[in-house]
Amino acid sequence: YTGKVIDYHDKIPSCDINESRRIILRLDDVKAWQYYDITTRMTSLILSKDMTVTLGVIPKDIEKDTKLFLPWINDIKNNPNVEIALHGYLHEEAEFKDLNREEARYRLEKGKELLYDYIGVVPVTFVAPENEYSDDTIDALSDEGFRVIGAGKIGTIHQYYEIGENLSYVGYTTQTYDFPLSKFIPAEQVLAECNSSLDNSGLCVIEIHPQDYLTADRTQIDEERYAEFVKLLNGLENLNASFKNFKDVADCKV
């Protein structure tokens, strides 16, 4: 990569204690070769509404998709409402669930290298594949300078203090698809759960996957489901909240 590098460490703001209601859109499985049409369509709609989005990029094979993925991601990264996060390395099943510190650090390093070499970004947010990670992964994330881990359902922010990490855990509040149950979640339910979390903790994190809005064989966009995505975004605009990315809450102590 020969252009200007975006280092998200330089883009972490001071935490605004006056912002009592924050929404984070977490779009996972942004990757080479797959889901290009739906990923770009969803991202474009989010940004057209001046909302923010954290794109969880899977590094595997991004260097090979030179016709579609790389031109798009290298353009979209310049939008100030976009944050590029590292979403695993190979994104294998339970990839970080049982790793020791050395193994986790190796995969984090390799993933960071691909994001740096082909997209020109230095991430501060790690989105755990399948929301699973070992305790040693936390140490490895600190070793590698990450500031946020996005993972399982918790609905608030908490910090890892016990061994000196400067790392915030930001779990998701709700999601648009329940993979264990193979169940699509309609916009109305997502909005209700989001609003309840905003009332209770001031934070709503929505976990979204591009494939949530594809047909069962994942070959084309399911327009009926996509209409639910449009309904979701329209509803979020009415929840009296500000839109943020993970880096924006890295220094928020709760």
C-alpha atoms as a PDB file:
ATOM      1  CA  TYR A   1       0.000   0.000   0.000  1.00  0.00           C
ATOM      2  CA  THR A   2       1.454   3.341  -1.056  1.00  0.00           C
ATOM      3  CA  GLY A   3      -1.269   5.847  -0.128  1.00  0.00           C
ATOM      4  CA  LYS A   4      -2.036   7.681   3.079  1.00  0.00           C
ATOM      5  CA  VAL A   5      -2.428   5.321   6.033  1.00  0.00           C
ATOM      6  CA  ILE A   6      -5.384   5.670   8.382  1.00  0.00           C
ATOM      7  CA  ASP A   7      -4.261   4.843  11.913  1.00  0.00           C
ATOM      8  CA  TYR A   8      -7.369   4.657  14.078  1.00  0.00           C
ATOM      9  CA  HIS A   9      -5.272   5.228  17.196  1.00  0.00           C
ATOM     10  CA  ASP A  10      -5.150   8.839  16.017  1.00  0.00           C
ATOM     11  CA  LYS A  11      -8.925   8.981  15.636  1.00  0.00           C
ATOM     12  CA  ILE A  12     -10.065   7.941  19.117  1.00  0.00           C
ATOM     13  CA  PRO A  13     -11.925  10.930  20.580  1.00  0.00           C
ATOM     14  CA  SER A  14     -12.236  11.879  24.212  1.00  0.00           C
ATOM     15  CA  CYS A  15     -15.347  10.278  25.614  1.00  0.00           C
ATOM     16  CA  ASP A  16     -18.270  12.701  25.607  1.00  0.00           C
ATOM     17  CA  ILE A  17     -20.015  12.122  28.924  1.00  0.00           C
ATOM     18  CA  ASN A  18     -22.963  14.223  27.728  1.00  0.00           C
ATOM     19  CA  GLU A  19     -23.847  11.700  25.032  1.00  0.00           C
ATOM     20  CA  SER A  20     -26.261   9.455  26.881  1.00  0.00           C
ATOM     21  CA  ARG A  21     -27.617   7.457  23.915  1.00  0.00           C
ATOM     22  CA  ARG A  22     -25.279   5.859  21.355  1.00  0.00           C
ATOM     23  CA  ILE A  23     -25.956   3.409  18.532  1.00  0.00           C
ATOM     24  CA  ILE A  24     -23.195   1.328  16.903  1.00  0.00           C
ATOM     25  CA  LEU A  25     -23.853  -0.580  13.679  1.00  0.00           C
ATOM     26  CA  ARG A  26     -21.512  -3.553  13.445  1.00  0.00           C
ATOM     27  CA  LEU A  27     -21.453  -5.109   9.977  1.00  0.00           C
ATOM     28  CA  ASP A  28     -19.526  -8.401  10.161  1.00  0.00           C
ATOM     29  CA  ASP A  29     -18.182 -10.689   7.404  1.00  0.00           C
ATOM     30  CA  VAL A  30     -17.054  -7.956   5.038  1.00  0.00           C
ATOM     31  CA  LYS A  31     -14.807 -10.016   2.818  1.00  0.00           C
ATOM     32  CA  ALA A  32     -13.306 -10.778  -0.566  1.00  0.00           C
ATOM     33  CA  TRP A  33     -15.320 -12.669  -3.209  1.00  0.00           C
ATOM     34  CA  GLN A  34     -18.574 -13.005  -1.290  1.00  0.00           C
ATOM     35  CA  TYR A  35     -21.542 -10.763  -0.482  1.00  0.00           C
ATOM     36  CA  TYR A  36     -20.213  -7.830  -2.529  1.00  0.00           C
ATOM     37  CA  ASP A  37     -23.570  -6.615  -3.912  1.00  0.00           C
ATOM     38  CA  ILE A  38     -25.433  -6.724  -0.606  1.00  0.00           C
ATOM     39  CA  THR A  39     -22.498  -5.394   1.440  1.00  0.00           C
ATOM     40  CA  THR A  40     -22.048  -2.348  -0.777  1.00  0.00           C
ATOM     41  CA  ARG A  41     -25.791  -1.737  -0.990  1.00  0.00           C
ATOM     42  CA  MET A  42     -26.230  -1.846   2.779  1.00  0.00           C
ATOM     43  CA  THR A  43     -23.178   0.326   3.430  1.00  0.00           C
ATOM     44  CA  SER A  44     -24.283   2.870   0.867  1.00  0.00           C
ATOM     45  CA  LEU A  45     -27.719   3.162   2.474  1.00  0.00           C
ATOM     46  CA  ILE A  46     -26.234   3.564   5.956  1.00  0.00           C
ATOM     47  CA  LEU A  47     -23.887   6.319   4.818  1.00  0.00           C
ATOM     48  CA  SER A  48     -26.609   8.071   2.793  1.00  0.00           C
ATOM     49  CA  LYS A  49     -28.406   8.589   6.110  1.00  0.00           C
ATOM     50  CA  ASP A  50     -25.253  10.055   7.700  1.00  0.00           C
ATOM     51  CA  MET A  51     -25.032   7.084  10.052  1.00  0.00           C
ATOM     52  CA  THR A  52     -21.781   5.438  11.077  1.00  0.00           C
ATOM     53  CA  VAL A  53     -20.795   1.832  10.452  1.00  0.00           C
ATOM     54  CA  THR A  54     -17.994  -0.402  11.681  1.00  0.00           C
ATOM     55  CA  LEU A  55     -17.039  -2.864   8.956  1.00  0.00           C
ATOM     56  CA  GLY A  56     -15.678  -6.129  10.371  1.00  0.00           C
ATOM     57  CA  VAL A  57     -13.267  -7.123   7.605  1.00  0.00           C
ATOM     58  CA  ILE A  58     -12.086 -10.716   7.221  1.00  0.00           C
ATOM     59  CA  PRO A  59      -8.485 -10.374   5.956  1.00  0.00           C
ATOM     60  CA  LYS A  60      -8.286 -13.759   4.211  1.00  0.00           C
ATOM     61  CA  ASP A  61      -7.831 -13.365   0.436  1.00  0.00           C
ATOM     62  CA  ILE A  62      -8.468  -9.611   0.307  1.00  0.00           C
ATOM     63  CA  GLU A  63      -5.274  -9.178  -1.717  1.00  0.00           C
ATOM     64  CA  LYS A  64      -6.738 -11.383  -4.470  1.00  0.00           C
ATOM     65  CA  ASP A  65     -10.023  -9.545  -5.023  1.00  0.00           C
ATOM     66  CA  THR A  66      -8.560  -6.649  -6.983  1.00  0.00           C
ATOM     67  CA  LYS A  67     -11.538  -5.921  -9.241  1.00  0.00           C
ATOM     68  CA  LEU A  68     -14.357  -5.458  -6.733  1.00  0.00           C
ATOM     69  CA  PHE A  69     -13.506  -5.629  -3.045  1.00  0.00           C
ATOM     70  CA  LEU A  70     -10.212  -3.725  -2.852  1.00  0.00           C
ATOM     71  CA  PRO A  71     -11.278  -0.723  -4.975  1.00  0.00           C
ATOM     72  CA  TRP A  72     -14.502  -0.427  -2.983  1.00  0.00           C
ATOM     73  CA  ILE A  73     -12.980  -0.780   0.492  1.00  0.00           C
ATOM     74  CA  ASN A  74     -10.131   1.578  -0.346  1.00  0.00           C
ATOM     75  CA  ASP A  75     -12.642   4.195  -1.401  1.00  0.00           C
ATOM     76  CA  ILE A  76     -15.133   3.724   1.432  1.00  0.00           C
ATOM     77  CA  LYS A  77     -12.466   3.818   4.163  1.00  0.00           C
ATOM     78  CA  ASN A  78     -12.008   7.548   3.520  1.00  0.00           C
ATOM     79  CA  ASN A  79     -15.542   8.294   4.681  1.00  0.00           C
ATOM     80  CA  PRO A  80     -15.258   9.617   8.268  1.00  0.00           C
ATOM     81  CA  ASN A  81     -18.367   7.649   9.244  1.00  0.00           C
ATOM     82  CA  VAL A  82     -16.626   4.339   8.456  1.00  0.00           C
ATOM     83  CA  GLU A  83     -14.363   2.346  10.768  1.00  0.00           C
ATOM     84  CA  ILE A  84     -12.478  -0.708   9.519  1.00  0.00           C
ATOM     85  CA  ALA A  85     -12.197  -3.420  12.184  1.00  0.00           C
ATOM     86  CA  LEU A  86     -10.324  -6.719  12.118  1.00  0.00           C
ATOM     87  CA  HIS A  87     -12.758  -9.659  12.053  1.00  0.00           C
ATOM     88  CA  GLY A  88     -10.497 -12.610  12.766  1.00  0.00           C
ATOM     89  CA  TYR A  89      -7.740 -13.724  10.428  1.00  0.00           C
ATOM     90  CA  LEU A  90      -8.947 -16.759   8.485  1.00  0.00           C
ATOM     91  CA  HIS A  91     -12.392 -16.625  10.135  1.00  0.00           C
ATOM     92  CA  GLU A  92     -12.406 -20.335  10.784  1.00  0.00           C
ATOM     93  CA  GLU A  93     -14.952 -21.871  13.127  1.00  0.00           C
ATOM     94  CA  ALA A  94     -14.199 -20.853  16.721  1.00  0.00           C
ATOM     95  CA  GLU A  95     -10.936 -19.378  15.422  1.00  0.00           C
ATOM     96  CA  PHE A  96      -9.878 -17.563  18.620  1.00  0.00           C
ATOM     97  CA  LYS A  97     -11.797 -19.654  21.144  1.00  0.00           C
ATOM     98  CA  ASP A  98      -8.930 -21.818  22.420  1.00  0.00           C
ATOM     99  CA  LEU A  99      -5.768 -19.998  21.358  1.00  0.00           C
ATOM    100  CA  ASN A 100      -2.873 -19.287  23.685  1.00  0.00           C
ATOM    101  CA  ARG A 101      -1.293 -15.846  23.747  1.00  0.00           C
ATOM    102  CA  GLU A 102       1.378 -16.627  21.148  1.00  0.00           C
ATOM    103  CA  GLU A 103      -1.074 -18.251  18.743  1.00  0.00           C
ATOM    104  CA  ALA A 104      -3.569 -15.406  19.082  1.00  0.00           C
ATOM    105  CA  ARG A 105      -0.898 -12.793  18.617  1.00  0.00           C
ATOM    106  CA  TYR A 106       0.337 -14.495  15.430  1.00  0.00           C
ATOM    107  CA  ARG A 107      -3.124 -14.404  13.873  1.00  0.00           C
ATOM    108  CA  LEU A 108      -3.705 -10.811  14.952  1.00  0.00           C
ATOM    109  CA  GLU A 109      -0.374  -9.780  13.468  1.00  0.00           C
ATOM    110  CA  LYS A 110      -1.091 -11.514  10.162  1.00  0.00           C
ATOM    111  CA  GLY A 111      -4.550  -9.981   9.975  1.00  0.00           C
ATOM    112  CA  LYS A 112      -3.237  -6.507  10.745  1.00  0.00           C
ATOM    113  CA  GLU A 113      -0.559  -6.902   8.092  1.00  0.00           C
ATOM    114  CA  LEU A 114      -3.144  -7.624   5.406  1.00  0.00           C
ATOM    115  CA  LEU A 115      -5.294  -4.644   6.422  1.00  0.00           C
ATOM    116  CA  TYR A 116      -2.224  -2.409   6.401  1.00  0.00           C
ATOM    117  CA  ASP A 117      -0.672  -3.728   3.197  1.00  0.00           C
ATOM    118  CA  TYR A 118      -3.827  -3.694   1.054  1.00  0.00           C
ATOM    119  CA  ILE A 119      -6.229  -1.220   2.663  1.00  0.00           C
ATOM    120  CA  GLY A 120      -3.819   1.114   4.430  1.00  0.00           C
ATOM    121  CA  VAL A 121      -5.465   1.045   7.851  1.00  0.00           C
ATOM    122  CA  VAL A 122      -4.224   0.304  11.358  1.00  0.00           C
ATOM    123  CA  PRO A 123      -7.241  -1.083  13.260  1.00  0.00           C
ATOM    124  CA  VAL A 124      -7.993  -0.534  16.929  1.00  0.00           C
ATOM    125  CA  THR A 125     -11.106  -2.735  17.027  1.00  0.00           C
ATOM    126  CA  PHE A 126     -11.169  -6.531  16.916  1.00  0.00           C
ATOM    127  CA  VAL A 127     -14.486  -8.248  16.249  1.00  0.00           C
ATOM    128  CA  ALA A 128     -14.236 -11.829  17.458  1.00  0.00           C
ATOM    129  CA  PRO A 129     -15.436 -14.465  14.962  1.00  0.00           C
ATOM    130  CA  GLU A 130     -18.600 -16.050  16.333  1.00  0.00           C
ATOM    131  CA  ASN A 131     -18.092 -13.751  19.349  1.00  0.00           C
ATOM    132  CA  GLU A 132     -15.734 -16.331  20.888  1.00  0.00           C
ATOM    133  CA  TYR A 133     -12.212 -15.803  22.203  1.00  0.00           C
ATOM    134  CA  SER A 134      -9.837 -17.166  24.842  1.00  0.00           C
ATOM    135  CA  ASP A 135      -8.554 -15.256  27.854  1.00  0.00           C
ATOM    136  CA  ASP A 136      -5.129 -15.249  26.231  1.00  0.00           C
ATOM    137  CA  THR A 137      -6.615 -13.489  23.213  1.00  0.00           C
ATOM    138  CA  ILE A 138      -7.252 -10.482  25.478  1.00  0.00           C
ATOM    139  CA  ASP A 139      -3.548 -10.354  26.352  1.00  0.00           C
ATOM    140  CA  ALA A 140      -2.620 -10.712  22.690  1.00  0.00           C
ATOM    141  CA  LEU A 141      -4.963  -7.879  21.723  1.00  0.00           C
ATOM    142  CA  SER A 142      -3.278  -5.628  24.269  1.00  0.00           C
ATOM    143  CA  ASP A 143       0.140  -6.719  22.978  1.00  0.00           C
ATOM    144  CA  GLU A 144      -0.924  -5.676  19.486  1.00  0.00           C
ATOM    145  CA  GLY A 145      -2.297  -2.283  20.492  1.00  0.00           C
ATOM    146  CA  PHE A 146      -5.998  -2.974  20.059  1.00  0.00           C
ATOM    147  CA  ARG A 147      -8.328  -0.825  22.129  1.00  0.00           C
ATOM    148  CA  VAL A 148     -11.740  -2.469  21.639  1.00  0.00           C
ATOM    149  CA  ILE A 149     -13.038  -6.017  21.363  1.00  0.00           C
ATOM    150  CA  GLY A 150     -16.514  -6.432  19.939  1.00  0.00           C
ATOM    151  CA  ALA A 151     -17.973  -9.756  20.981  1.00  0.00           C
ATOM    152  CA  GLY A 152     -20.909 -11.462  22.691  1.00  0.00           C
ATOM    153  CA  LYS A 153     -24.128 -10.101  24.047  1.00  0.00           C
ATOM    154  CA  ILE A 154     -23.748  -7.790  27.003  1.00  0.00           C
ATOM    155  CA  GLY A 155     -25.320  -4.487  25.982  1.00  0.00           C
ATOM    156  CA  THR A 156     -22.806  -2.200  27.648  1.00  0.00           C
ATOM    157  CA  ILE A 157     -19.100  -1.344  27.842  1.00  0.00           C
ATOM    158  CA  HIS A 158     -16.630  -2.684  30.349  1.00  0.00           C
ATOM    159  CA  GLN A 159     -12.878  -2.496  30.679  1.00  0.00           C
ATOM    160  CA  TYR A 160     -10.244  -5.126  31.301  1.00  0.00           C
ATOM    161  CA  TYR A 161      -8.348  -3.861  34.332  1.00  0.00           C
ATOM    162  CA  GLU A 162      -6.961  -6.948  36.001  1.00  0.00           C
ATOM    163  CA  ILE A 163      -3.652  -7.234  34.149  1.00  0.00           C
ATOM    164  CA  GLY A 164      -3.234  -3.710  32.941  1.00  0.00           C
ATOM    165  CA  GLU A 165      -4.826  -3.905  29.519  1.00  0.00           C
ATOM    166  CA  ASN A 166      -6.106  -0.739  27.900  1.00  0.00           C
ATOM    167  CA  LEU A 167      -8.941  -2.590  26.227  1.00  0.00           C
ATOM    168  CA  SER A 168     -12.701  -2.078  26.244  1.00  0.00           C
ATOM    169  CA  TYR A 169     -15.220  -4.872  25.733  1.00  0.00           C
ATOM    170  CA  VAL A 170     -18.269  -3.747  23.767  1.00  0.00           C
ATOM    171  CA  GLY A 171     -20.798  -6.536  23.366  1.00  0.00           C
ATOM    172  CA  TYR A 172     -23.744  -6.475  21.010  1.00  0.00           C
ATOM    173  CA  THR A 173     -27.233  -5.598  22.189  1.00  0.00           C
ATOM    174  CA  THR A 174     -29.275  -7.213  19.452  1.00  0.00           C
ATOM    175  CA  GLN A 175     -28.790  -8.817  16.058  1.00  0.00           C
ATOM    176  CA  THR A 176     -30.599  -9.157  12.756  1.00  0.00           C
ATOM    177  CA  TYR A 177     -30.179 -12.937  12.557  1.00  0.00           C
ATOM    178  CA  ASP A 178     -29.896 -15.639  15.202  1.00  0.00           C
ATOM    179  CA  PHE A 179     -27.483 -18.176  13.702  1.00  0.00           C
ATOM    180  CA  PRO A 180     -27.874 -20.947  16.343  1.00  0.00           C
ATOM    181  CA  LEU A 181     -31.638 -20.851  15.780  1.00  0.00           C
ATOM    182  CA  SER A 182     -31.391 -20.086  12.027  1.00  0.00           C
ATOM    183  CA  LYS A 183     -33.904 -17.319  12.638  1.00  0.00           C
ATOM    184  CA  PHE A 184     -34.218 -13.977  10.855  1.00  0.00           C
ATOM    185  CA  ILE A 185     -35.084 -11.211  13.291  1.00  0.00           C
ATOM    186  CA  PRO A 186     -37.513  -8.561  11.999  1.00  0.00           C
ATOM    187  CA  ALA A 187     -36.803  -4.865  12.307  1.00  0.00           C
ATOM    188  CA  GLU A 188     -39.539  -4.296  14.876  1.00  0.00           C
ATOM    189  CA  GLN A 189     -37.892  -6.654  17.367  1.00  0.00           C
ATOM    190  CA  VAL A 190     -34.406  -5.244  16.779  1.00  0.00           C
ATOM    191  CA  LEU A 191     -35.701  -1.708  17.290  1.00  0.00           C
ATOM    192  CA  ALA A 192     -37.515  -2.637  20.511  1.00  0.00           C
ATOM    193  CA  GLU A 193     -34.410  -4.301  21.956  1.00  0.00           C
ATOM    194  CA  CYS A 194     -32.230  -1.392  20.860  1.00  0.00           C
ATOM    195  CA  ASN A 195     -34.501   1.226  22.404  1.00  0.00           C
ATOM    196  CA  SER A 196     -34.731  -0.715  25.663  1.00  0.00           C
ATOM    197  CA  SER A 197     -30.934  -0.922  25.863  1.00  0.00           C
ATOM    198  CA  LEU A 198     -30.609   2.797  25.143  1.00  0.00           C
ATOM    199  CA  ASP A 199     -32.995   3.503  28.008  1.00  0.00           C
ATOM    200  CA  ASN A 200     -31.130   1.184  30.378  1.00  0.00           C
ATOM    201  CA  SER A 201     -27.461   1.637  29.537  1.00  0.00           C
ATOM    202  CA  GLY A 202     -27.282   4.384  26.923  1.00  0.00           C
ATOM    203  CA  LEU A 203     -25.748   2.023  24.364  1.00  0.00           C
ATOM    204  CA  CYS A 204     -27.144  -0.103  21.547  1.00  0.00           C
ATOM    205  CA  VAL A 205     -24.841  -2.260  19.409  1.00  0.00           C
ATOM    206  CA  ILE A 206     -26.495  -4.069  16.491  1.00  0.00           C
ATOM    207  CA  GLU A 207     -24.733  -7.096  15.036  1.00  0.00           C
ATOM    208  CA  ILE A 208     -25.498  -7.411  11.313  1.00  0.00           C
ATOM    209  CA  HIS A 209     -24.244  -9.742   8.571  1.00  0.00           C
ATOM    210  CA  PRO A 210     -24.654  -9.126   4.834  1.00  0.00           C
ATOM    211  CA  GLN A 211     -25.886 -12.696   4.372  1.00  0.00           C
ATOM    212  CA  ASP A 212     -28.789 -11.960   6.707  1.00  0.00           C
ATOM    213  CA  TYR A 213     -30.409 -10.297   3.693  1.00  0.00           C
ATOM    214  CA  LEU A 214     -29.709 -12.935   1.060  1.00  0.00           C
ATOM    215  CA  THR A 215     -31.822 -15.828  -0.170  1.00  0.00           C
ATOM    216  CA  ALA A 216     -31.318 -19.193   1.520  1.00  0.00           C
ATOM    217  CA  ASP A 217     -28.749 -20.260  -1.067  1.00  0.00           C
ATOM    218  CA  ARG A 218     -26.955 -16.918  -0.629  1.00  0.00           C
ATOM    219  CA  THR A 219     -26.913 -16.251  -4.367  1.00  0.00           C
ATOM    220  CA  GLN A 220     -29.048 -13.109  -4.503  1.00  0.00           C
ATOM    221  CA  ILE A 221     -30.571 -10.375  -2.392  1.00  0.00           C
ATOM    222  CA  ASP A 222     -33.834 -11.237  -0.656  1.00  0.00           C
ATOM    223  CA  GLU A 223     -35.785  -8.043  -1.319  1.00  0.00           C
ATOM    224  CA  GLU A 224     -38.421  -8.813   1.312  1.00  0.00           C
ATOM    225  CA  ARG A 225     -35.753  -9.139   3.971  1.00  0.00           C
ATOM    226  CA  TYR A 226     -33.889  -6.106   2.660  1.00  0.00           C
ATOM    227  CA  ALA A 227     -37.061  -4.081   3.135  1.00  0.00           C
ATOM    228  CA  GLU A 228     -36.716  -4.971   6.829  1.00  0.00           C
ATOM    229  CA  PHE A 229     -33.203  -3.503   6.791  1.00  0.00           C
ATOM    230  CA  VAL A 230     -34.555  -0.261   5.337  1.00  0.00           C
ATOM    231  CA  LYS A 231     -37.271  -0.286   8.004  1.00  0.00           C
ATOM    232  CA  LEU A 232     -34.627  -0.842  10.674  1.00  0.00           C
ATOM    233  CA  LEU A 233     -32.527   2.137   9.622  1.00  0.00           C
ATOM    234  CA  ASN A 234     -35.601   4.364   9.355  1.00  0.00           C
ATOM    235  CA  GLY A 235     -36.627   3.312  12.854  1.00  0.00           C
ATOM    236  CA  LEU A 236     -33.189   3.948  14.303  1.00  0.00           C
ATOM    237  CA  GLU A 237     -33.395   7.549  13.124  1.00  0.00           C
ATOM    238  CA  ASN A 238     -36.312   8.023  15.526  1.00  0.00           C
ATOM    239  CA  LEU A 239     -34.617   6.713  18.678  1.00  0.00           C
ATOM    240  CA  ASN A 240     -33.073  10.046  19.692  1.00  0.00           C
ATOM    241  CA  ALA A 241     -29.518   8.698  19.683  1.00  0.00           C
ATOM    242  CA  SER A 242     -26.171   9.536  18.098  1.00  0.00           C
ATOM    243  CA  PHE A 243     -24.416   7.100  15.781  1.00  0.00           C
ATOM    244  CA  LYS A 244     -20.899   6.038  16.714  1.00  0.00           C
ATOM    245  CA  ASN A 245     -18.243   3.481  15.835  1.00  0.00           C
ATOM    246  CA  PHE A 246     -16.291   1.283  18.248  1.00  0.00           C
ATOM    247  CA  LYS A 247     -13.240   3.576  18.209  1.00  0.00           C
ATOM    248  CA  ASP A 248     -15.483   6.413  19.404  1.00  0.00           C
ATOM    249  CA  VAL A 249     -16.177   4.649  22.711  1.00  0.00           C
ATOM    250  CA  ALA A 250     -12.676   3.238  23.296  1.00  0.00           C
ATOM    251  CA  ASP A 251     -12.001   5.803  26.019  1.00  0.00           C
ATOM    252  CA  CYS A 252     -15.434   5.631  27.620  1.00  0.00           C
ATOM    253  CA  LYS A 253     -15.053   4.222  31.125  1.00  0.00           C
ATOM    254  CA  VAL A 254     -18.127   2.546  32.549  1.00  0.00           C
END
